[in-house]
Amino acid sequence: VSVVESGGGLVEPGGSLTLSCKCSGVPVDEYHASWHRQTPGKERELVAFITGDGNNARIVDSVQGRFTISRDNVRDLVSLEMNSLKPEDTAVYYCQIQGMSSNKEFWGQGTQVTVSS
């Protein structure tokens, strides 16, 4: 099983980035997906969640209205579109997939997002 994030980088405040998570080795439509982020010294926190079929999604309050999660099960991709980025969004962003009918979960290695002028 492979979960690989990409799309991170340095962006100015107010800018946008789209993160991608490529999943392989599992039937992706049988896994819920989520994005999490972590900064040094803090616990990893959930940012966004989407069901296996893509019909339901949840965005946490701190990024509501700025971030959007989506998925393409044909291409085995989960995306996180981030707009109006703020310095406090700076973190390592991780993709997780979790089995809908099992307790299996898999994490990516993370991608750094830095919001700074």
C-alpha atoms as a PDB file:
ATOM      1  CA  VAL A   1       0.000   0.000   0.000  1.00  0.00           C
ATOM      2  CA  SER A   2       1.279   3.435  -0.897  1.00  0.00           C
ATOM      3  CA  VAL A   3      -0.020   6.852   0.151  1.00  0.00           C
ATOM      4  CA  VAL A   4       1.982   9.741  -1.280  1.00  0.00           C
ATOM      5  CA  GLU A   5       1.295  13.439  -0.795  1.00  0.00           C
ATOM      6  CA  SER A   6       2.490  16.177  -3.092  1.00  0.00           C
ATOM      7  CA  GLY A   7       1.869  19.832  -3.814  1.00  0.00           C
ATOM      8  CA  GLY A   8       3.295  21.464  -0.728  1.00  0.00           C
ATOM      9  CA  GLY A   9       5.585  24.459  -0.846  1.00  0.00           C
ATOM     10  CA  LEU A  10       6.111  28.080   0.083  1.00  0.00           C
ATOM     11  CA  VAL A  11       3.278  30.513  -0.534  1.00  0.00           C
ATOM     12  CA  GLU A  12       2.577  34.091   0.521  1.00  0.00           C
ATOM     13  CA  PRO A  13      -0.304  34.918   2.847  1.00  0.00           C
ATOM     14  CA  GLY A  14      -3.531  35.045   0.880  1.00  0.00           C
ATOM     15  CA  GLY A  15      -2.219  32.595  -1.664  1.00  0.00           C
ATOM     16  CA  SER A  16      -3.444  29.160  -2.682  1.00  0.00           C
ATOM     17  CA  LEU A  17      -2.103  25.625  -2.897  1.00  0.00           C
ATOM     18  CA  THR A  18      -3.659  22.306  -3.836  1.00  0.00           C
ATOM     19  CA  LEU A  19      -2.326  19.187  -2.171  1.00  0.00           C
ATOM     20  CA  SER A  20      -2.713  15.794  -3.795  1.00  0.00           C
ATOM     21  CA  CYS A  21      -2.676  12.338  -2.245  1.00  0.00           C
ATOM     22  CA  LYS A  22      -2.062   9.405  -4.563  1.00  0.00           C
ATOM     23  CA  CYS A  23      -3.184   6.057  -3.161  1.00  0.00           C
ATOM     24  CA  SER A  24      -2.282   2.681  -4.566  1.00  0.00           C
ATOM     25  CA  GLY A  25      -2.422  -0.948  -3.529  1.00  0.00           C
ATOM     26  CA  VAL A  26      -5.949  -0.793  -2.122  1.00  0.00           C
ATOM     27  CA  PRO A  27      -9.464  -0.350  -3.540  1.00  0.00           C
ATOM     28  CA  VAL A  28      -9.575   3.364  -2.795  1.00  0.00           C
ATOM     29  CA  ASP A  29     -13.362   3.617  -2.903  1.00  0.00           C
ATOM     30  CA  GLU A  30     -13.477   1.302   0.130  1.00  0.00           C
ATOM     31  CA  TYR A  31     -11.508   3.805   2.214  1.00  0.00           C
ATOM     32  CA  HIS A  32     -12.508   7.065   3.811  1.00  0.00           C
ATOM     33  CA  ALA A  33      -9.828   9.730   3.437  1.00  0.00           C
ATOM     34  CA  SER A  34      -8.710  12.669   5.501  1.00  0.00           C
ATOM     35  CA  TRP A  35      -6.082  15.375   5.674  1.00  0.00           C
ATOM     36  CA  HIS A  36      -4.298  16.215   8.902  1.00  0.00           C
ATOM     37  CA  ARG A  37      -1.612  18.714   9.785  1.00  0.00           C
ATOM     38  CA  GLN A  38       1.057  19.021  12.417  1.00  0.00           C
ATOM     39  CA  THR A  39       3.419  21.712  13.618  1.00  0.00           C
ATOM     40  CA  PRO A  40       6.441  21.169  15.881  1.00  0.00           C
ATOM     41  CA  GLY A  41       5.476  20.586  19.479  1.00  0.00           C
ATOM     42  CA  LYS A  42       1.798  20.141  18.721  1.00  0.00           C
ATOM     43  CA  GLU A  43      -0.414  17.141  18.172  1.00  0.00           C
ATOM     44  CA  ARG A  44      -1.500  16.200  14.703  1.00  0.00           C
ATOM     45  CA  GLU A  45      -4.926  17.657  13.982  1.00  0.00           C
ATOM     46  CA  LEU A  46      -7.683  16.732  11.567  1.00  0.00           C
ATOM     47  CA  VAL A  47      -8.294  19.284   8.824  1.00  0.00           C
ATOM     48  CA  ALA A  48     -10.749  17.627   6.465  1.00  0.00           C
ATOM     49  CA  PHE A  49     -12.518  14.312   5.940  1.00  0.00           C
ATOM     50  CA  ILE A  50     -14.320  12.737   3.020  1.00  0.00           C
ATOM     51  CA  THR A  51     -16.214   9.465   2.766  1.00  0.00           C
ATOM     52  CA  GLY A  52     -15.171   6.654   0.444  1.00  0.00           C
ATOM     53  CA  ASP A  53     -17.819   7.486  -2.121  1.00  0.00           C
ATOM     54  CA  GLY A  54     -17.068  11.197  -1.916  1.00  0.00           C
ATOM     55  CA  ASN A  55     -20.653  12.095  -1.104  1.00  0.00           C
ATOM     56  CA  ASN A  56     -19.987  13.504   2.347  1.00  0.00           C
ATOM     57  CA  ALA A  57     -17.191  15.751   3.531  1.00  0.00           C
ATOM     58  CA  ARG A  58     -16.339  17.695   6.646  1.00  0.00           C
ATOM     59  CA  ILE A  59     -14.016  20.645   7.092  1.00  0.00           C
ATOM     60  CA  VAL A  60     -12.924  21.773  10.552  1.00  0.00           C
ATOM     61  CA  ASP A  61     -13.973  25.241  11.698  1.00  0.00           C
ATOM     62  CA  SER A  62     -10.499  26.772  11.554  1.00  0.00           C
ATOM     63  CA  VAL A  63     -10.311  26.315   7.769  1.00  0.00           C
ATOM     64  CA  GLN A  64     -13.995  26.318   6.884  1.00  0.00           C
ATOM     65  CA  GLY A  65     -14.670  28.412   3.810  1.00  0.00           C
ATOM     66  CA  ARG A  66     -11.014  28.347   2.762  1.00  0.00           C
ATOM     67  CA  PHE A  67     -10.207  24.637   2.302  1.00  0.00           C
ATOM     68  CA  THR A  68     -12.026  22.075   0.183  1.00  0.00           C
ATOM     69  CA  ILE A  69     -11.487  18.310   0.151  1.00  0.00           C
ATOM     70  CA  SER A  70     -12.354  16.206  -2.864  1.00  0.00           C
ATOM     71  CA  ARG A  71     -11.507  12.838  -4.358  1.00  0.00           C
ATOM     72  CA  ASP A  72     -11.328  11.095  -7.700  1.00  0.00           C
ATOM     73  CA  ASN A  73     -11.675   7.349  -7.179  1.00  0.00           C
ATOM     74  CA  VAL A  74     -10.976   6.640 -10.837  1.00  0.00           C
ATOM     75  CA  ARG A  75      -7.534   8.252 -10.526  1.00  0.00           C
ATOM     76  CA  ASP A  76      -7.067   7.150  -6.881  1.00  0.00           C
ATOM     77  CA  LEU A  77      -6.527  10.751  -5.812  1.00  0.00           C
ATOM     78  CA  VAL A  78      -7.606  12.766  -2.780  1.00  0.00           C
ATOM     79  CA  SER A  79      -7.102  16.522  -2.989  1.00  0.00           C
ATOM     80  CA  LEU A  80      -7.080  19.415  -0.574  1.00  0.00           C
ATOM     81  CA  GLU A  81      -7.594  22.826  -2.147  1.00  0.00           C
ATOM     82  CA  MET A  82      -6.372  25.565   0.154  1.00  0.00           C
ATOM     83  CA  ASN A  83      -7.227  29.219  -0.461  1.00  0.00           C
ATOM     84  CA  SER A  84      -6.662  32.441   1.465  1.00  0.00           C
ATOM     85  CA  LEU A  85      -3.780  30.823   3.265  1.00  0.00           C
ATOM     86  CA  LYS A  86      -2.601  32.274   6.553  1.00  0.00           C
ATOM     87  CA  PRO A  87       0.740  31.960   8.356  1.00  0.00           C
ATOM     88  CA  GLU A  88      -0.974  29.770  10.950  1.00  0.00           C
ATOM     89  CA  ASP A  89      -1.716  27.222   8.220  1.00  0.00           C
ATOM     90  CA  THR A  90       2.001  26.481   8.094  1.00  0.00           C
ATOM     91  CA  ALA A  91       2.456  22.795   8.922  1.00  0.00           C
ATOM     92  CA  VAL A  92       3.287  19.398   7.567  1.00  0.00           C
ATOM     93  CA  TYR A  93       0.140  18.054   5.936  1.00  0.00           C
ATOM     94  CA  TYR A  94      -0.573  14.332   5.996  1.00  0.00           C
ATOM     95  CA  CYS A  95      -3.032  12.208   4.057  1.00  0.00           C
ATOM     96  CA  GLN A  96      -4.709   9.269   5.771  1.00  0.00           C
ATOM     97  CA  ILE A  97      -6.977   6.575   4.390  1.00  0.00           C
ATOM     98  CA  GLN A  98      -9.096   4.387   6.661  1.00  0.00           C
ATOM     99  CA  GLY A  99     -10.980   1.253   5.727  1.00  0.00           C
ATOM    100  CA  MET A 100     -14.759   1.629   5.714  1.00  0.00           C
ATOM    101  CA  SER A 101     -15.321  -1.923   6.948  1.00  0.00           C
ATOM    102  CA  SER A 102     -12.021  -2.610   8.641  1.00  0.00           C
ATOM    103  CA  ASN A 103      -9.657  -0.929  11.091  1.00  0.00           C
ATOM    104  CA  LYS A 104      -6.914  -0.655   8.528  1.00  0.00           C
ATOM    105  CA  GLU A 105      -5.405   2.769   8.102  1.00  0.00           C
ATOM    106  CA  PHE A 106      -2.492   4.097   6.115  1.00  0.00           C
ATOM    107  CA  TRP A 107      -0.611   7.386   6.272  1.00  0.00           C
ATOM    108  CA  GLY A 108       1.509   9.274   3.829  1.00  0.00           C
ATOM    109  CA  GLN A 109       4.899  10.728   4.645  1.00  0.00           C
ATOM    110  CA  GLY A 110       3.635  14.313   4.707  1.00  0.00           C
ATOM    111  CA  THR A 111       4.232  17.427   2.655  1.00  0.00           C
ATOM    112  CA  GLN A 112       5.410  20.766   4.049  1.00  0.00           C
ATOM    113  CA  VAL A 113       3.269  23.853   3.569  1.00  0.00           C
ATOM    114  CA  THR A 114       4.828  27.167   4.559  1.00  0.00           C
ATOM    115  CA  VAL A 115       2.847  30.390   4.439  1.00  0.00           C
ATOM    116  CA  SER A 116       5.151  33.367   4.727  1.00  0.00           C
ATOM    117  CA  SER A 117       5.964  36.659   3.100  1.00  0.00           C
END
